[in-house]
Protein backbone atom coordinates (compact mmCIF):
# COMPACT_ATOMS: atom_id res chain seq x y z
CA MET A 1 7.64 37.67 -47.93
CA SER A 2 8.83 37.69 -48.93
CA ASP A 3 8.67 39.82 -50.47
CA GLY A 4 8.64 37.82 -52.10
CA HIS A 5 7.61 39.33 -55.38
CA LEU A 6 4.34 39.43 -57.02
CA ARG A 7 4.20 40.67 -60.49
CA PHE A 8 2.07 38.83 -62.93
CA THR A 9 3.29 41.01 -65.85
CA ALA A 10 6.93 40.19 -65.20
CA GLY A 11 6.70 37.28 -62.81
CA LEU A 12 5.43 37.00 -59.32
CA HIS A 13 6.89 37.04 -55.96
CA THR A 14 5.26 38.30 -52.39
CA ILE A 15 2.32 41.21 -51.91
CA ILE A 16 0.61 44.25 -50.11
CA ASP A 17 0.30 45.41 -46.48
CA ASN A 18 -2.87 44.62 -44.59
CA THR A 19 -2.65 48.19 -43.42
CA GLY A 20 -0.63 51.05 -44.74
CA SER A 21 -1.35 53.58 -42.03
CA TYR A 22 -1.05 54.00 -38.28
CA SER A 23 -3.85 54.84 -35.87
CA PRO A 24 -3.40 57.27 -32.99
CA LEU A 25 -1.46 56.00 -30.00
CA ILE A 26 -4.13 54.16 -27.97
CA PRO A 27 -3.53 51.80 -25.02
CA LEU A 28 -4.49 48.36 -26.19
CA ASN A 29 -6.41 47.55 -23.01
CA TYR A 30 -8.97 50.11 -24.15
CA PHE A 31 -10.40 47.34 -26.35
CA THR A 32 -11.62 43.89 -25.49
CA ARG A 33 -10.39 41.07 -27.77
CA ARG A 34 -13.86 40.79 -29.23
CA SER A 35 -14.04 44.52 -30.05
CA LEU A 36 -10.53 44.40 -31.50
CA LEU A 37 -11.44 41.47 -33.73
CA LYS A 38 -14.58 43.28 -34.93
CA GLY A 39 -12.46 46.34 -35.58
CA CYS A 40 -9.90 44.38 -37.62
CA ILE A 41 -12.64 42.79 -39.67
CA ALA A 42 -14.14 46.20 -40.32
CA GLY A 43 -10.78 47.46 -41.57
CA MET A 44 -9.59 49.44 -38.54
CA GLY A 45 -5.84 50.13 -38.28
CA THR A 46 -3.96 48.22 -35.63
CA SER A 47 -3.42 50.26 -32.49
CA VAL A 48 0.22 50.89 -31.61
CA LEU A 49 2.25 51.85 -28.61
CA SER A 50 4.77 54.57 -27.87
CA PRO A 51 7.60 53.73 -25.49
CA CYS A 52 5.91 55.50 -22.60
CA SER A 53 2.59 53.70 -23.06
CA LEU A 54 3.95 50.19 -23.63
CA TRP A 55 3.51 48.93 -20.08
CA ALA A 56 0.02 50.41 -19.72
CA ALA A 57 -1.36 47.86 -22.18
CA SER A 58 -2.51 44.42 -21.07
CA SER A 59 -5.00 43.07 -23.59
CA GLY A 60 -3.26 42.30 -26.88
CA SER A 61 -3.32 43.04 -30.56
CA LEU A 62 -4.24 40.98 -33.58
CA ILE A 63 -1.45 40.66 -36.19
CA ASN A 64 -2.14 39.25 -39.64
CA ASP A 65 -0.53 39.12 -43.06
CA VAL A 66 -1.79 40.05 -46.47
CA THR A 67 -3.57 36.74 -47.03
CA GLN A 68 -5.51 37.19 -43.76
CA LEU A 69 -5.00 33.47 -43.17
CA ASN A 70 -2.81 33.79 -40.10
CA PRO A 71 -4.38 35.89 -37.31
CA ILE A 72 -2.09 35.89 -34.28
CA TRP A 73 -2.72 37.56 -30.92
CA VAL A 74 0.46 39.24 -29.68
CA ARG A 75 0.67 40.56 -26.15
CA GLN A 76 2.09 43.98 -27.07
CA LEU A 77 2.71 45.85 -30.31
CA PHE A 78 5.51 48.41 -30.39
CA VAL A 79 6.53 50.78 -33.21
CA PRO A 80 10.17 51.90 -32.73
CA ARG A 81 11.72 54.88 -34.42
CA THR A 82 15.27 54.39 -33.20
CA THR A 83 17.51 51.51 -32.24
CA ASP A 84 17.51 52.85 -28.67
CA ASP A 85 13.72 52.47 -28.62
CA ILE A 86 14.11 48.80 -29.48
CA ARG A 87 16.89 48.20 -26.99
CA ARG A 88 15.06 49.87 -24.13
CA VAL A 89 11.95 47.74 -24.58
CA LEU A 90 13.78 44.53 -25.54
CA THR A 91 15.89 44.53 -22.37
CA THR A 92 12.81 45.06 -20.17
CA TRP A 93 10.37 42.66 -21.78
CA PRO A 94 10.72 39.13 -20.34
CA GLY A 95 8.87 37.08 -22.92
CA PRO A 96 9.02 36.07 -26.59
CA VAL A 97 9.73 38.67 -29.31
CA SER A 98 8.51 38.79 -32.92
CA ILE A 99 9.38 41.14 -35.80
CA GLY A 100 7.34 42.46 -38.72
CA GLY A 101 7.92 44.81 -41.62
CA GLY A 102 5.61 45.00 -44.64
CA ARG A 103 3.73 41.86 -43.50
CA PHE A 104 4.08 40.21 -46.90
CA SER A 105 5.00 36.74 -45.65
CA MET A 106 2.07 34.32 -45.76
CA GLY A 107 2.49 31.75 -43.01
CA GLY A 108 2.92 33.47 -39.64
CA GLN A 109 6.60 34.32 -40.13
CA ILE A 110 6.04 37.74 -38.54
CA ALA A 111 4.56 36.78 -35.16
CA THR A 112 3.81 34.21 -32.44
CA GLU A 113 1.24 34.22 -29.68
CA ASP A 114 1.76 36.41 -26.59
CA SER A 115 4.93 37.98 -28.00
CA LEU A 116 6.12 41.54 -27.98
CA HIS A 117 5.77 42.45 -31.67
CA PHE A 118 8.05 45.08 -33.18
CA ASP A 119 6.44 46.79 -36.19
CA MET A 120 9.56 48.09 -37.93
CA ARG A 121 8.02 50.37 -40.55
CA GLN A 122 8.80 53.65 -38.75
CA LEU A 123 12.51 52.75 -38.41
CA ASN A 124 12.94 54.13 -41.88
CA GLN A 125 15.68 56.73 -42.14
CA VAL A 126 18.78 56.98 -44.33
CA ILE A 127 21.89 56.70 -42.13
CA HIS A 128 24.60 57.42 -44.69
CA TYR A 129 24.64 57.88 -48.46
CA SER A 130 27.66 58.15 -50.69
CA PRO A 131 26.69 58.53 -54.37
CA GLU A 132 30.32 58.62 -55.49
CA ASN A 133 31.01 55.28 -53.83
CA LYS A 134 27.65 53.79 -54.85
CA VAL A 135 26.68 52.81 -51.30
CA ILE A 136 23.86 53.65 -48.93
CA ARG A 137 23.15 52.67 -45.31
CA VAL A 138 19.54 52.72 -44.18
CA GLN A 139 17.41 51.73 -41.27
CA ALA A 140 15.83 48.34 -41.87
CA GLY A 141 12.19 49.53 -41.92
CA ILE A 142 12.60 51.78 -44.95
CA ARG A 143 10.73 50.68 -48.05
CA TRP A 144 12.55 50.25 -51.35
CA ARG A 145 10.37 52.93 -52.92
CA ASP A 146 11.50 55.55 -50.39
CA LEU A 147 15.13 54.52 -50.87
CA GLN A 148 14.67 54.91 -54.63
CA SER A 149 13.48 58.48 -54.13
CA VAL A 150 16.82 59.26 -52.45
CA ILE A 151 19.14 57.66 -55.00
CA ASP A 152 17.29 58.33 -58.26
CA PRO A 153 18.40 62.00 -58.54
CA HIS A 154 21.98 60.68 -58.70
CA ASP A 155 21.07 58.11 -61.41
CA LEU A 156 21.68 55.17 -59.12
CA SER A 157 19.55 52.06 -58.59
CA VAL A 158 19.04 49.27 -56.10
CA LYS A 159 21.17 46.31 -57.11
CA VAL A 160 18.76 43.51 -56.05
CA MET A 161 15.19 43.70 -54.83
CA GLN A 162 11.80 42.11 -55.41
CA SER A 163 9.60 42.95 -58.40
CA TYR A 164 7.67 45.55 -56.38
CA ALA A 165 8.97 48.49 -54.34
CA ASN A 166 6.53 48.33 -51.41
CA PHE A 167 8.62 45.91 -49.32
CA THR A 168 10.92 46.96 -46.48
CA VAL A 169 14.64 46.46 -46.82
CA GLY A 170 14.87 44.55 -43.54
CA GLY A 171 12.01 42.26 -44.53
CA ALA A 172 13.61 41.51 -47.87
CA LEU A 173 16.88 40.67 -46.19
CA SER A 174 15.21 38.53 -43.51
CA VAL A 175 13.77 36.25 -46.19
CA ASN A 176 16.81 36.71 -48.51
CA ALA A 177 14.54 37.70 -51.37
CA HIS A 178 15.44 37.82 -55.04
CA GLY A 179 14.05 39.49 -58.08
CA ARG A 180 14.54 39.22 -61.83
CA TYR A 181 18.09 40.58 -61.90
CA VAL A 182 20.25 38.49 -64.25
CA GLY A 183 23.19 36.82 -62.49
CA ALA A 184 22.58 38.77 -59.24
CA GLY A 185 21.13 36.06 -56.98
CA PRO A 186 19.50 36.99 -53.67
CA VAL A 187 19.49 40.41 -52.03
CA SER A 188 22.23 39.26 -49.62
CA ASN A 189 24.68 39.53 -52.53
CA SER A 190 24.19 43.31 -52.51
CA VAL A 191 24.71 43.76 -48.74
CA ARG A 192 28.02 45.20 -47.54
CA ALA A 193 27.18 45.15 -43.85
CA LEU A 194 24.31 45.02 -41.36
CA ARG A 195 23.70 45.85 -37.72
CA LEU A 196 21.98 43.23 -35.58
CA LEU A 197 20.42 43.77 -32.17
CA LEU A 198 20.80 40.58 -30.13
CA ALA A 199 18.60 39.15 -27.39
CA ASP A 200 20.68 40.65 -24.58
CA GLY A 201 20.35 44.14 -26.03
CA SER A 202 23.85 44.32 -27.48
CA GLU A 203 24.28 45.50 -31.04
CA VAL A 204 26.86 44.04 -33.43
CA GLU A 205 28.15 45.10 -36.84
CA ALA A 206 28.43 42.18 -39.24
CA SER A 207 29.95 41.92 -42.69
CA ARG A 208 31.94 39.53 -44.87
CA ASN A 209 35.01 40.37 -42.77
CA VAL A 210 33.58 41.05 -39.31
CA ASN A 211 31.29 38.71 -37.36
CA THR A 212 31.03 36.66 -40.54
CA ASP A 213 29.01 33.88 -38.94
CA LEU A 214 26.28 36.29 -37.88
CA PHE A 215 26.40 38.08 -41.23
CA TYR A 216 25.62 34.97 -43.25
CA ALA A 217 23.24 33.57 -40.67
CA ALA A 218 21.06 36.67 -40.18
CA MET A 219 20.30 37.05 -43.87
CA GLY A 220 17.41 34.75 -44.66
CA SER A 221 16.93 33.68 -41.03
CA TYR A 222 13.44 35.14 -40.56
CA GLY A 223 14.39 36.94 -37.36
CA ALA A 224 15.81 33.86 -35.63
CA LEU A 225 18.97 35.57 -34.30
CA GLY A 226 17.90 39.14 -33.61
CA ILE A 227 16.58 42.34 -35.06
CA ILE A 228 18.27 43.78 -38.16
CA THR A 229 18.35 47.53 -37.49
CA GLU A 230 20.57 48.87 -40.31
CA VAL A 231 21.62 47.61 -43.74
CA GLU A 232 24.45 48.88 -46.00
CA LEU A 233 23.81 48.25 -49.67
CA ASP A 234 25.72 48.39 -52.96
CA LEU A 235 24.10 50.52 -55.68
CA VAL A 236 24.39 50.36 -59.47
CA PRO A 237 23.83 52.77 -62.36
CA ASN A 238 20.27 53.69 -63.33
CA VAL A 239 20.60 52.55 -66.94
CA SER A 240 18.02 52.76 -69.73
CA MET A 241 16.45 49.39 -70.70
CA GLU A 242 14.38 48.11 -73.60
CA ARG A 243 11.89 45.28 -73.15
CA GLN A 244 12.16 42.31 -75.50
CA VAL A 245 9.61 39.49 -75.54
CA HIS A 246 9.97 36.06 -77.11
CA HIS A 247 7.48 33.21 -77.25
CA MET A 248 8.71 29.62 -77.33
CA SER A 249 8.04 26.11 -76.05
CA VAL A 250 9.20 25.27 -72.52
CA THR A 251 11.56 22.63 -73.95
CA ASP A 252 13.30 25.29 -76.06
CA TYR A 253 13.72 27.72 -73.14
CA PRO A 254 16.89 26.25 -71.51
CA LYS A 255 18.81 26.63 -74.78
CA PHE A 256 17.45 30.18 -75.26
CA PHE A 257 18.51 31.09 -71.72
CA SER A 258 21.99 29.68 -72.16
CA GLU A 259 22.60 31.46 -75.48
CA GLN A 260 20.77 34.75 -74.99
CA ILE A 261 20.58 35.52 -71.25
CA ARG A 262 23.10 33.72 -69.04
CA GLY A 263 26.29 35.75 -68.85
CA ASN A 264 24.87 38.55 -71.01
CA GLU A 265 25.91 41.82 -69.39
CA GLN A 266 23.33 43.71 -71.44
CA ALA A 267 20.47 41.70 -69.90
CA ILE A 268 19.38 43.45 -66.70
CA LEU A 269 16.03 41.86 -65.81
CA HIS A 270 14.69 38.53 -67.06
CA ASN A 271 11.95 36.04 -66.34
CA VAL A 272 9.81 33.65 -68.31
CA ASP A 273 6.08 33.24 -67.67
CA LEU A 274 3.93 30.14 -67.99
CA THR A 275 0.19 30.68 -68.24
CA PRO A 276 -1.64 27.68 -66.72
CA PRO A 277 -3.06 25.47 -68.12
CA TYR A 278 -0.69 26.12 -71.05
CA PHE A 279 2.37 24.70 -69.29
CA ASP A 280 4.13 23.81 -72.53
CA GLN A 281 4.32 27.43 -73.75
CA ALA A 282 6.69 30.07 -72.37
CA THR A 283 6.83 33.84 -72.69
CA SER A 284 10.32 35.24 -72.12
CA ILE A 285 10.52 38.88 -70.92
CA THR A 286 13.95 40.51 -70.89
CA TRP A 287 14.90 44.11 -70.16
CA ARG A 288 18.22 44.85 -71.95
CA MET A 289 20.47 47.86 -71.61
CA THR A 290 20.07 50.29 -74.52
CA ASP A 291 21.05 53.68 -75.82
CA LYS A 292 17.69 54.18 -77.51
CA GLU A 293 15.50 57.17 -76.67
CA LEU A 294 13.16 56.72 -73.73
CA THR A 295 9.53 55.98 -74.51
CA VAL A 296 8.55 56.68 -70.86
CA SER A 297 9.95 59.92 -69.49
CA ASP A 298 8.92 59.36 -65.85
CA ARG A 299 11.83 58.45 -63.65
CA LEU A 300 9.76 56.57 -61.05
CA VAL A 301 6.20 55.23 -61.01
CA ALA A 302 4.06 57.83 -59.27
CA PRO A 303 2.81 56.62 -55.86
CA GLU A 304 -0.67 57.99 -56.55
CA ARG A 305 -1.03 56.17 -59.86
CA SER A 306 -4.41 54.48 -60.42
CA TYR A 307 -4.37 50.70 -61.01
CA LYS A 308 -8.08 50.12 -61.61
CA PHE A 309 -7.48 48.82 -65.13
CA ASP A 310 -4.67 46.50 -64.06
CA GLN A 311 -6.81 45.18 -61.19
CA ALA A 312 -9.73 44.51 -63.49
CA ILE A 313 -7.50 42.53 -65.89
CA MET A 314 -6.07 40.50 -62.96
CA TRP A 315 -9.55 39.65 -61.68
CA GLY A 316 -10.79 38.70 -65.14
CA VAL A 317 -7.97 36.33 -66.10
CA SER A 318 -8.02 34.57 -62.73
CA ARG A 319 -11.74 34.40 -61.99
CA LEU A 320 -13.78 34.46 -65.21
CA PRO A 321 -14.53 31.29 -67.24
CA GLY A 322 -12.00 31.15 -70.05
CA GLY A 323 -9.77 33.67 -68.33
CA PRO A 324 -6.49 31.89 -69.17
CA SER A 325 -7.43 31.78 -72.86
CA ILE A 326 -8.34 35.46 -72.76
CA ARG A 327 -5.00 36.25 -71.20
CA LYS A 328 -3.01 34.14 -73.71
CA ASP A 329 -4.81 35.23 -76.87
CA ILE A 330 -5.70 38.84 -76.06
CA VAL A 331 -4.29 40.35 -72.89
CA ASP A 332 -0.66 39.25 -73.24
CA ARG A 333 -0.60 40.01 -76.94
CA LEU A 334 -1.64 43.59 -76.23
CA ARG A 335 0.61 43.91 -73.19
CA TYR A 336 3.73 42.80 -75.04
CA PHE A 337 2.98 44.38 -78.43
CA SER A 338 5.38 47.29 -77.93
CA GLN A 339 9.03 47.53 -76.94
CA PRO A 340 9.12 50.25 -74.32
CA VAL A 341 12.36 51.90 -73.24
CA VAL A 342 12.45 52.98 -69.59
CA ARG A 343 14.92 53.74 -66.84
CA ARG A 344 15.84 50.87 -64.55
CA ASN A 345 14.32 52.70 -61.56
CA TYR A 346 11.01 53.09 -63.30
CA GLU A 347 10.60 49.37 -63.84
CA ALA A 348 11.78 48.65 -60.29
CA SER A 349 9.40 51.15 -58.61
CA ARG A 350 6.11 49.51 -59.48
CA ASP A 351 3.41 49.20 -56.82
CA VAL A 352 1.86 45.93 -55.71
CA ALA A 353 -1.49 47.73 -55.64
CA SER A 354 -1.76 46.88 -59.36
CA LEU A 355 -2.85 43.38 -58.26
CA GLY A 356 -5.86 44.68 -56.40
CA PRO A 357 -7.17 43.29 -53.11
CA ILE A 358 -5.40 40.03 -52.24
CA ALA A 359 -7.77 38.64 -49.63
CA THR A 360 -11.54 38.64 -49.32
CA ARG A 361 -13.78 37.05 -46.71
CA ASN A 362 -13.90 33.70 -48.51
CA SER A 363 -10.76 33.57 -50.69
CA THR A 364 -7.23 34.81 -51.14
CA TYR A 365 -4.42 34.93 -53.66
CA ALA A 366 -1.23 33.35 -52.45
CA LEU A 367 2.29 32.46 -53.49
CA GLN A 368 4.64 29.50 -53.37
CA GLU A 369 8.13 29.08 -54.81
CA TYR A 370 10.30 26.14 -55.71
CA PHE A 371 13.99 26.02 -56.67
CA VAL A 372 15.24 23.33 -59.01
CA PRO A 373 18.76 22.76 -60.39
CA ARG A 374 19.10 24.16 -63.90
CA ALA A 375 19.32 20.83 -65.71
CA HIS A 376 15.91 19.69 -64.47
CA LEU A 377 13.74 22.62 -65.62
CA SER A 378 11.67 20.85 -68.28
CA VAL A 379 10.94 17.69 -66.31
CA PHE A 380 9.98 19.73 -63.21
CA VAL A 381 7.53 21.76 -65.29
CA THR A 382 5.91 18.47 -66.39
CA GLN A 383 5.60 17.23 -62.80
CA MET A 384 4.36 20.58 -61.55
CA ALA A 385 1.69 20.75 -64.23
CA SER A 386 0.51 17.22 -63.41
CA ILE A 387 0.14 17.98 -59.69
CA LEU A 388 -1.64 21.28 -60.22
CA GLN A 389 -4.04 19.79 -62.76
CA THR A 390 -4.76 16.69 -60.69
CA HIS A 391 -5.80 18.87 -57.75
CA SER A 392 -7.66 21.47 -59.89
CA VAL A 393 -5.49 24.31 -58.55
CA ASN A 394 -6.51 27.74 -59.80
CA ALA A 395 -2.95 28.66 -60.83
CA VAL A 396 -2.84 32.19 -62.23
CA ASN A 397 0.81 32.43 -63.23
CA ILE A 398 4.18 30.69 -62.91
CA SER A 399 7.18 32.97 -63.25
CA ILE A 400 10.54 31.33 -63.77
CA ARG A 401 13.70 33.17 -62.71
CA HIS A 402 17.38 32.17 -62.44
CA SER A 403 19.89 32.38 -59.65
CA PRO A 404 23.60 31.54 -59.41
CA PRO A 405 24.75 29.48 -56.40
CA ASP A 406 24.58 31.01 -52.92
CA PRO A 407 26.97 28.84 -50.88
CA TYR A 408 27.29 31.10 -47.82
CA THR A 409 23.95 31.90 -46.14
CA CYS A 410 22.74 29.34 -43.61
CA LEU A 411 19.31 28.92 -45.21
CA SER A 412 20.47 29.13 -48.80
CA TRP A 413 17.78 28.15 -51.31
CA ALA A 414 20.35 27.99 -54.14
CA ARG A 415 23.16 25.67 -53.11
CA GLU A 416 23.85 25.30 -56.84
CA GLU A 417 22.69 27.15 -59.94
CA VAL A 418 18.89 26.99 -59.97
CA PHE A 419 15.74 28.08 -61.71
CA SER A 420 13.01 29.30 -59.40
CA PHE A 421 9.34 28.66 -60.07
CA VAL A 422 7.12 31.32 -58.52
CA LEU A 423 3.53 30.05 -58.37
CA TYR A 424 0.70 32.57 -57.93
CA TYR A 425 -2.66 30.96 -57.26
CA TRP A 426 -6.15 31.61 -55.91
CA GLN A 427 -7.79 29.55 -53.15
CA HIS A 428 -10.81 29.46 -50.89
CA VAL A 429 -10.02 29.73 -47.17
CA SER A 430 -12.20 27.17 -45.36
CA LEU A 431 -10.38 24.55 -43.29
CA ALA A 432 -11.02 21.92 -45.93
CA ASP A 433 -9.70 24.19 -48.66
CA ARG A 434 -6.54 24.95 -46.69
CA GLU A 435 -5.97 21.29 -46.00
CA GLU A 436 -6.27 20.48 -49.69
CA VAL A 437 -3.69 23.18 -50.47
CA GLY A 438 -1.40 21.44 -47.98
CA VAL A 439 -1.80 18.14 -49.81
CA TRP A 440 -0.69 19.39 -53.22
CA THR A 441 1.93 21.71 -51.71
CA ARG A 442 3.70 18.75 -50.08
CA LYS A 443 3.64 16.92 -53.41
CA LEU A 444 5.31 19.89 -55.11
CA ILE A 445 7.90 20.05 -52.35
CA ASP A 446 8.65 16.35 -52.81
CA ALA A 447 9.01 16.89 -56.56
CA ALA A 448 11.52 19.69 -56.04
CA LEU A 449 13.45 17.68 -53.41
CA SER A 450 13.63 14.68 -55.74
CA PHE A 451 15.79 16.78 -58.10
CA GLY A 452 18.01 18.07 -55.29
CA GLY A 453 15.99 21.31 -55.15
CA CYS A 454 14.33 23.31 -52.47
CA TYR A 455 11.20 25.30 -51.57
CA TYR A 456 10.89 28.87 -50.27
CA LEU A 457 10.01 29.57 -46.62
CA PRO A 458 7.94 32.84 -46.57
CA TYR A 459 4.67 31.11 -47.44
CA GLN A 460 2.11 28.83 -45.78
CA LEU A 461 3.73 26.31 -43.44
CA HIS A 462 2.50 23.12 -45.15
CA ALA A 463 5.89 21.39 -45.35
CA THR A 464 6.61 18.58 -42.89
CA LYS A 465 9.58 18.79 -40.57
CA GLU A 466 11.27 16.07 -42.60
CA GLN A 467 10.79 18.09 -45.79
CA PHE A 468 12.21 21.19 -44.09
CA SER A 469 15.28 19.29 -42.93
CA ARG A 470 15.89 17.87 -46.40
CA ALA A 471 15.47 21.29 -48.06
CA TYR A 472 17.57 23.22 -45.52
CA PRO A 473 20.28 20.92 -44.05
CA SER A 474 22.32 23.95 -42.97
CA ALA A 475 19.54 25.00 -40.62
CA LEU A 476 21.49 23.08 -38.00
CA ARG A 477 24.23 25.70 -38.27
CA LEU A 478 21.64 28.47 -37.76
CA PHE A 479 20.14 26.69 -34.76
CA ALA A 480 23.56 26.28 -33.16
CA LEU A 481 24.15 30.06 -33.47
CA LYS A 482 20.70 30.65 -32.03
CA GLU A 483 21.56 28.52 -29.02
CA LYS A 484 24.65 30.72 -28.56
CA PHE A 485 23.16 34.17 -29.08
CA ASP A 486 19.53 33.55 -28.07
CA PRO A 487 19.68 30.73 -25.54
CA GLN A 488 16.27 31.56 -24.09
CA MET A 489 14.67 31.35 -27.55
CA ARG A 490 13.25 34.86 -27.29
CA PHE A 491 13.09 35.59 -31.05
CA ARG A 492 10.21 33.51 -32.34
CA ASN A 493 7.49 33.28 -34.97
CA LYS A 494 5.25 30.53 -36.32
CA LEU A 495 7.96 29.37 -38.73
CA TRP A 496 10.42 28.62 -35.92
CA ASP A 497 7.66 27.42 -33.57
CA LYS A 498 7.04 24.63 -36.03
CA TYR A 499 10.44 23.72 -37.42
CA HIS A 500 12.74 24.50 -34.48
CA LEU A 501 10.78 24.48 -31.21
CA GLY A 502 7.97 22.14 -32.26
């Protein structure tokens, strides 16, 4: 999504790769489409191409996201390791181009049919790192977790990222993701500069002072303008934090947030969880800066850590009869009984594997997110609860976060101060089930829009064109820039196929 984020224990927001490894370099015309499809179903890795083998392939490759709801046949798949790799292929390829990172988005935002698909995950090196200046420049395909391994020895942390560390930096920036960071807003607020490869093969540096229009348009544009190849990020101290949990009614939460969290420099991470069907009760989770002794000595969560217990809990509370009651009365009480003290990097380095398999043959977990102006929190919760209950949605969790205004990016989801509602739910995947999800999704979008709010774009494309236009009026500014820098509409995916070209 986005990464988006996906943490049930501290809120939720976007998910795991459909493959974490690379197969040997095999020409794609070695397989028929039928054999490729069988291979994908059986769990084979997607075949990839080196620069020298690109033009030998003629069949295609099946690209999908973590939900497995959006299989898309691309004409070629290419895994670059340098910007020159991308430029060489981009300037030779005559057709549409699509871009993918961790493949966490859930509605085809990473591909379109018959495109040349760039899998960015091997463009993952550190370009420049200055601990004394608290800044790092990286290639866009690097994952947050690998970046953390570089900066943690200097007691530095990422300023803004999703709740899990599996996502790529470029992917997070392309959806302008956010996390639980108090007062920080989206990841674009931590970006000093970026490099963007345009449709004609030229590369531009963009920042708040140089190529400003491209800087604010590329962030959150889902690859509409070009390929983000490098990102320069601000870093912050790796402070110690103590978790504090408070239970309250939803109606009491706005006052609690105003008095205890908003503007509190000691509050580093914060979200409040609702446990459907108990929409009137809220659990506030805040990580505050502290000088207390650490209760967890590990600096980062180990990549090889086992999550079998976490996965079993997730399955039980979402799938067993009485699961929500078990979670409210037993699981959450045990989870939040203690007040751990950890380093910031430890909490930020968690793995989305703790959620277990996202998609099966007949069902999948998925995300949606809605942004509502701060004054309307309580009434939106009431409307959201009514819609979800009317349609018998298996809602697992709703995580509420906060963001200050973001007046600059073209596709800003926070044109004023907002609360975000991250909905994590489980659905069956038949055509009828997907259509039913579309029905209640559009109702939730209308509810958010009625309060001057917005919905988030990395998820299933159920919104109408009219809803998209109302939620993102500044998309016209993005489309004007696309006409200028990509007049042949080369950079495409299913999102822009529907809302721009459709």
